[in-house]
C-alpha atoms as a PDB file:
ATOM      1  CA  MET A   1       0.000   0.000   0.000  1.00  0.00           C
ATOM      2  CA  SER A   2       1.372   3.432  -0.868  1.00  0.00           C
ATOM      3  CA  ALA A   3       1.752   6.326   1.557  1.00  0.00           C
ATOM      4  CA  LEU A   4      -1.010   8.828   2.190  1.00  0.00           C
ATOM      5  CA  THR A   5      -0.640  11.520  -0.455  1.00  0.00           C
ATOM      6  CA  HIS A   6      -2.127  14.455   1.461  1.00  0.00           C
ATOM      7  CA  PHE A   7       0.792  14.663   3.909  1.00  0.00           C
ATOM      8  CA  ASP A   8       4.309  15.900   3.226  1.00  0.00           C
ATOM      9  CA  ALA A   9       7.557  14.372   4.554  1.00  0.00           C
ATOM     10  CA  GLN A  10       7.084  16.234   7.853  1.00  0.00           C
ATOM     11  CA  GLY A  11       3.524  14.969   8.293  1.00  0.00           C
ATOM     12  CA  GLN A  12       1.882  18.283   7.454  1.00  0.00           C
ATOM     13  CA  ALA A  13      -1.346  18.292   5.445  1.00  0.00           C
ATOM     14  CA  HIS A  14      -1.030  19.696   1.921  1.00  0.00           C
ATOM     15  CA  MET A  15      -2.854  19.750  -1.393  1.00  0.00           C
ATOM     16  CA  VAL A  16      -1.278  17.225  -3.754  1.00  0.00           C
ATOM     17  CA  ASP A  17       0.633  18.831  -6.641  1.00  0.00           C
ATOM     18  CA  VAL A  18      -0.931  17.517  -9.848  1.00  0.00           C
ATOM     19  CA  ALA A  19       0.864  19.919 -12.232  1.00  0.00           C
ATOM     20  CA  ALA A  20       3.035  17.207 -13.774  1.00  0.00           C
ATOM     21  CA  LYS A  21       0.183  14.707 -14.199  1.00  0.00           C
ATOM     22  CA  ALA A  22      -1.315  14.171 -17.643  1.00  0.00           C
ATOM     23  CA  ALA A  23      -4.818  15.409 -18.328  1.00  0.00           C
ATOM     24  CA  THR A  24      -6.868  12.307 -19.099  1.00  0.00           C
ATOM     25  CA  HIS A  25     -10.555  11.458 -19.297  1.00  0.00           C
ATOM     26  CA  ARG A  26     -11.585  10.480 -15.776  1.00  0.00           C
ATOM     27  CA  ILE A  27     -14.802   8.843 -14.633  1.00  0.00           C
ATOM     28  CA  ALA A  28     -16.019   7.845 -11.188  1.00  0.00           C
ATOM     29  CA  ILE A  29     -19.240   6.154 -10.173  1.00  0.00           C
ATOM     30  CA  ALA A  30     -20.372   6.148  -6.554  1.00  0.00           C
ATOM     31  CA  SER A  31     -23.498   4.677  -5.046  1.00  0.00           C
ATOM     32  CA  GLY A  32     -25.456   4.476  -1.813  1.00  0.00           C
ATOM     33  CA  ARG A  33     -28.960   4.056  -0.495  1.00  0.00           C
ATOM     34  CA  ILE A  34     -31.391   5.511   1.982  1.00  0.00           C
ATOM     35  CA  GLU A  35     -33.703   3.150   3.836  1.00  0.00           C
ATOM     36  CA  MET A  36     -37.152   4.285   4.893  1.00  0.00           C
ATOM     37  CA  LEU A  37     -40.594   3.095   5.828  1.00  0.00           C
ATOM     38  CA  PRO A  38     -42.618   1.531   3.001  1.00  0.00           C
ATOM     39  CA  ALA A  39     -45.164   4.369   3.296  1.00  0.00           C
ATOM     40  CA  THR A  40     -42.409   6.949   2.768  1.00  0.00           C
ATOM     41  CA  LEU A  41     -41.208   5.182  -0.367  1.00  0.00           C
ATOM     42  CA  ALA A  42     -44.791   5.027  -1.639  1.00  0.00           C
ATOM     43  CA  LEU A  43     -45.156   8.774  -1.058  1.00  0.00           C
ATOM     44  CA  ILE A  44     -41.971   9.469  -3.054  1.00  0.00           C
ATOM     45  CA  GLU A  45     -42.960   7.121  -5.894  1.00  0.00           C
ATOM     46  CA  ALA A  46     -46.446   8.609  -6.104  1.00  0.00           C
ATOM     47  CA  GLY A  47     -44.987  12.114  -6.329  1.00  0.00           C
ATOM     48  CA  ASN A  48     -47.254  13.485  -3.570  1.00  0.00           C
ATOM     49  CA  ALA A  49     -44.621  14.583  -1.068  1.00  0.00           C
ATOM     50  CA  LYS A  50     -45.617  17.887   0.521  1.00  0.00           C
ATOM     51  CA  LYS A  51     -42.344  19.538  -0.561  1.00  0.00           C
ATOM     52  CA  GLY A  52     -42.632  18.446  -4.209  1.00  0.00           C
ATOM     53  CA  ASP A  53     -40.680  16.160  -6.557  1.00  0.00           C
ATOM     54  CA  VAL A  54     -38.308  14.526  -4.062  1.00  0.00           C
ATOM     55  CA  LEU A  55     -36.088  12.740  -6.581  1.00  0.00           C
ATOM     56  CA  GLY A  56     -35.967  15.664  -9.006  1.00  0.00           C
ATOM     57  CA  ILE A  57     -34.804  17.990  -6.257  1.00  0.00           C
ATOM     58  CA  ALA A  58     -32.351  15.374  -4.921  1.00  0.00           C
ATOM     59  CA  ARG A  59     -30.893  15.039  -8.446  1.00  0.00           C
ATOM     60  CA  ILE A  60     -30.272  18.794  -8.693  1.00  0.00           C
ATOM     61  CA  ALA A  61     -28.791  18.829  -5.168  1.00  0.00           C
ATOM     62  CA  GLY A  62     -26.390  16.017  -6.101  1.00  0.00           C
ATOM     63  CA  ILE A  63     -25.266  17.825  -9.247  1.00  0.00           C
ATOM     64  CA  MET A  64     -24.718  21.046  -7.320  1.00  0.00           C
ATOM     65  CA  ALA A  65     -22.796  19.174  -4.623  1.00  0.00           C
ATOM     66  CA  ALA A  66     -20.430  17.561  -7.132  1.00  0.00           C
ATOM     67  CA  LYS A  67     -19.635  21.014  -8.507  1.00  0.00           C
ATOM     68  CA  LYS A  68     -18.914  22.351  -4.987  1.00  0.00           C
ATOM     69  CA  THR A  69     -16.845  19.449  -3.644  1.00  0.00           C
ATOM     70  CA  SER A  70     -13.620  21.457  -3.385  1.00  0.00           C
ATOM     71  CA  ASP A  71     -15.488  24.027  -1.250  1.00  0.00           C
ATOM     72  CA  LEU A  72     -16.516  21.289   1.189  1.00  0.00           C
ATOM     73  CA  ILE A  73     -13.442  19.048   1.380  1.00  0.00           C
ATOM     74  CA  PRO A  74     -10.332  21.097   2.192  1.00  0.00           C
ATOM     75  CA  LEU A  75      -7.685  19.346   0.079  1.00  0.00           C
ATOM     76  CA  CYS A  76      -9.753  18.603  -3.042  1.00  0.00           C
ATOM     77  CA  HIS A  77      -8.792  20.395  -6.230  1.00  0.00           C
ATOM     78  CA  PRO A  78     -11.446  22.524  -7.932  1.00  0.00           C
ATOM     79  CA  LEU A  79     -12.324  20.676 -11.148  1.00  0.00           C
ATOM     80  CA  ALA A  80     -14.022  21.543 -14.398  1.00  0.00           C
ATOM     81  CA  LEU A  81     -16.574  18.739 -14.513  1.00  0.00           C
ATOM     82  CA  THR A  82     -17.776  17.666 -17.932  1.00  0.00           C
ATOM     83  CA  ARG A  83     -20.659  15.464 -16.738  1.00  0.00           C
ATOM     84  CA  VAL A  84     -22.626  14.753 -13.573  1.00  0.00           C
ATOM     85  CA  ALA A  85     -25.542  12.315 -13.757  1.00  0.00           C
ATOM     86  CA  LEU A  86     -27.589  10.808 -10.931  1.00  0.00           C
ATOM     87  CA  GLU A  87     -29.900   7.821 -11.155  1.00  0.00           C
ATOM     88  CA  PHE A  88     -32.424   6.672  -8.563  1.00  0.00           C
ATOM     89  CA  GLU A  89     -34.343   3.434  -8.181  1.00  0.00           C
ATOM     90  CA  ALA A  90     -36.198   1.580  -5.473  1.00  0.00           C
ATOM     91  CA  ALA A  91     -33.570  -0.104  -3.289  1.00  0.00           C
ATOM     92  CA  SER A  92     -35.712  -3.251  -3.152  1.00  0.00           C
ATOM     93  CA  THR A  93     -34.824  -3.944  -6.789  1.00  0.00           C
ATOM     94  CA  ARG A  94     -31.178  -4.277  -5.719  1.00  0.00           C
ATOM     95  CA  GLN A  95     -31.620  -5.616  -2.190  1.00  0.00           C
ATOM     96  CA  PRO A  96     -34.910  -7.425  -1.592  1.00  0.00           C
ATOM     97  CA  ASP A  97     -34.784  -6.772   2.177  1.00  0.00           C
ATOM     98  CA  ALA A  98     -34.191  -3.005   1.809  1.00  0.00           C
ATOM     99  CA  ILE A  99     -37.028  -0.509   1.443  1.00  0.00           C
ATOM    100  CA  GLY A 100     -35.849   2.845   0.162  1.00  0.00           C
ATOM    101  CA  ILE A 101     -34.015   4.569  -2.649  1.00  0.00           C
ATOM    102  CA  PHE A 102     -30.742   3.548  -4.309  1.00  0.00           C
ATOM    103  CA  CYS A 103     -28.670   6.380  -5.815  1.00  0.00           C
ATOM    104  CA  ALA A 104     -25.764   6.195  -8.276  1.00  0.00           C
ATOM    105  CA  ALA A 105     -23.757   9.216  -9.405  1.00  0.00           C
ATOM    106  CA  THR A 106     -21.497   9.271 -12.461  1.00  0.00           C
ATOM    107  CA  VAL A 107     -19.026  12.143 -12.654  1.00  0.00           C
ATOM    108  CA  GLU A 108     -16.582  12.880 -15.476  1.00  0.00           C
ATOM    109  CA  THR A 109     -13.812  15.349 -16.273  1.00  0.00           C
ATOM    110  CA  VAL A 110     -10.731  15.696 -18.420  1.00  0.00           C
ATOM    111  CA  GLY A 111      -7.901  16.675 -16.138  1.00  0.00           C
ATOM    112  CA  PRO A 112      -4.919  15.702 -13.995  1.00  0.00           C
ATOM    113  CA  THR A 113      -6.844  14.308 -11.016  1.00  0.00           C
ATOM    114  CA  GLY A 114      -9.786  11.991 -10.442  1.00  0.00           C
ATOM    115  CA  VAL A 115     -13.417  12.647  -9.614  1.00  0.00           C
ATOM    116  CA  GLU A 116     -14.097  10.030  -6.913  1.00  0.00           C
ATOM    117  CA  MET A 117     -14.720  12.686  -4.245  1.00  0.00           C
ATOM    118  CA  GLU A 118     -17.175  14.501  -6.496  1.00  0.00           C
ATOM    119  CA  ALA A 119     -19.135  11.300  -7.128  1.00  0.00           C
ATOM    120  CA  LEU A 120     -19.215  10.446  -3.410  1.00  0.00           C
ATOM    121  CA  THR A 121     -20.297  13.977  -2.517  1.00  0.00           C
ATOM    122  CA  ALA A 122     -23.077  13.889  -5.121  1.00  0.00           C
ATOM    123  CA  VAL A 123     -24.485  10.655  -3.663  1.00  0.00           C
ATOM    124  CA  GLN A 124     -24.283  11.815  -0.051  1.00  0.00           C
ATOM    125  CA  ILE A 125     -25.980  15.148  -0.712  1.00  0.00           C
ATOM    126  CA  ALA A 126     -28.671  13.595  -2.915  1.00  0.00           C
ATOM    127  CA  LEU A 127     -29.499  11.097  -0.156  1.00  0.00           C
ATOM    128  CA  LEU A 128     -29.418  13.811   2.517  1.00  0.00           C
ATOM    129  CA  THR A 129     -31.814  15.851   0.386  1.00  0.00           C
ATOM    130  CA  ILE A 130     -34.230  12.919   0.302  1.00  0.00           C
ATOM    131  CA  TYR A 131     -33.965  12.751   4.089  1.00  0.00           C
ATOM    132  CA  ASP A 132     -34.600  16.479   4.412  1.00  0.00           C
ATOM    133  CA  MET A 133     -37.632  16.401   2.148  1.00  0.00           C
ATOM    134  CA  CYS A 134     -39.201  13.367   3.864  1.00  0.00           C
ATOM    135  CA  LYS A 135     -38.207  13.791   7.511  1.00  0.00           C
ATOM    136  CA  ALA A 136     -41.626  15.157   8.444  1.00  0.00           C
ATOM    137  CA  VAL A 137     -43.119  11.699   7.801  1.00  0.00           C
ATOM    138  CA  ASP A 138     -40.112   9.450   8.589  1.00  0.00           C
ATOM    139  CA  ARG A 139     -37.343  10.573  10.944  1.00  0.00           C
ATOM    140  CA  GLY A 140     -35.978   7.024  11.127  1.00  0.00           C
ATOM    141  CA  MET A 141     -34.531   6.983   7.600  1.00  0.00           C
ATOM    142  CA  SER A 142     -30.895   5.884   7.402  1.00  0.00           C
ATOM    143  CA  ILE A 143     -28.159   6.203   4.795  1.00  0.00           C
ATOM    144  CA  HIS A 144     -26.030   3.147   3.963  1.00  0.00           C
ATOM    145  CA  ASP A 145     -23.246   1.765   1.800  1.00  0.00           C
ATOM    146  CA  VAL A 146     -21.967   4.955   0.172  1.00  0.00           C
ATOM    147  CA  ARG A 147     -18.845   3.998  -1.781  1.00  0.00           C
ATOM    148  CA  VAL A 148     -16.957   4.277  -5.027  1.00  0.00           C
ATOM    149  CA  VAL A 149     -18.005   1.407  -7.281  1.00  0.00           C
ATOM    150  CA  GLU A 150     -15.961   2.325 -10.365  1.00  0.00           C
ATOM    151  CA  LYS A 151     -13.130   4.635 -11.320  1.00  0.00           C
ATOM    152  CA  HIS A 152     -11.418   4.970 -14.695  1.00  0.00           C
ATOM    153  CA  GLY A 153      -8.586   7.099 -16.049  1.00  0.00           C
ATOM    154  CA  GLY A 154      -5.312   8.427 -14.761  1.00  0.00           C
ATOM    155  CA  LYS A 155      -2.036   6.780 -13.885  1.00  0.00           C
ATOM    156  CA  SER A 156      -3.601   4.196 -11.560  1.00  0.00           C
ATOM    157  CA  GLY A 157      -6.000   2.996 -14.271  1.00  0.00           C
ATOM    158  CA  SER A 158      -9.350   1.420 -13.506  1.00  0.00           C
ATOM    159  CA  PHE A 159     -10.956   0.197 -10.313  1.00  0.00           C
ATOM    160  CA  VAL A 160     -14.182  -1.778 -10.163  1.00  0.00           C
ATOM    161  CA  ALA A 161     -15.447  -2.733  -6.690  1.00  0.00           C
ATOM    162  CA  GLY A 162     -15.557  -6.445  -6.072  1.00  0.00           C
ATOM    163  CA  VAL A 163     -13.306  -7.274  -9.043  1.00  0.00           C
END
């Protein structure tokens, strides 16, 4: 395992210098899910939530979050993102024992550093937005399994979770 890159030889935190790295097409996909009561999921799917289109608003929140990642995480580089896309589906289609919403975010750029943090941030904020919009009817919702599932591009090449 290599050393942590966000610390210098003296152990001080620093932003990694990516000036000498090649600009390549970089893609990251992150996913996660929010579990909720069946009635809450039904409310979201029916589109009758009091605050409006829950998934539409969560999608916009996730896109905005990806674009603001370097403002939230101190050592992330500001990136010119070329694509941010979020997909939602009932979690029960992926995990039969889970009631809720599954979210996947795909983020792309052409640059000298990856977009894993942007994809993770998009998922987290999208799921938190669902919580915020539905908390009046279900305060027991919980967020699970947020992780990078794929990464492509750059010197380290590709990563696919579980492979």
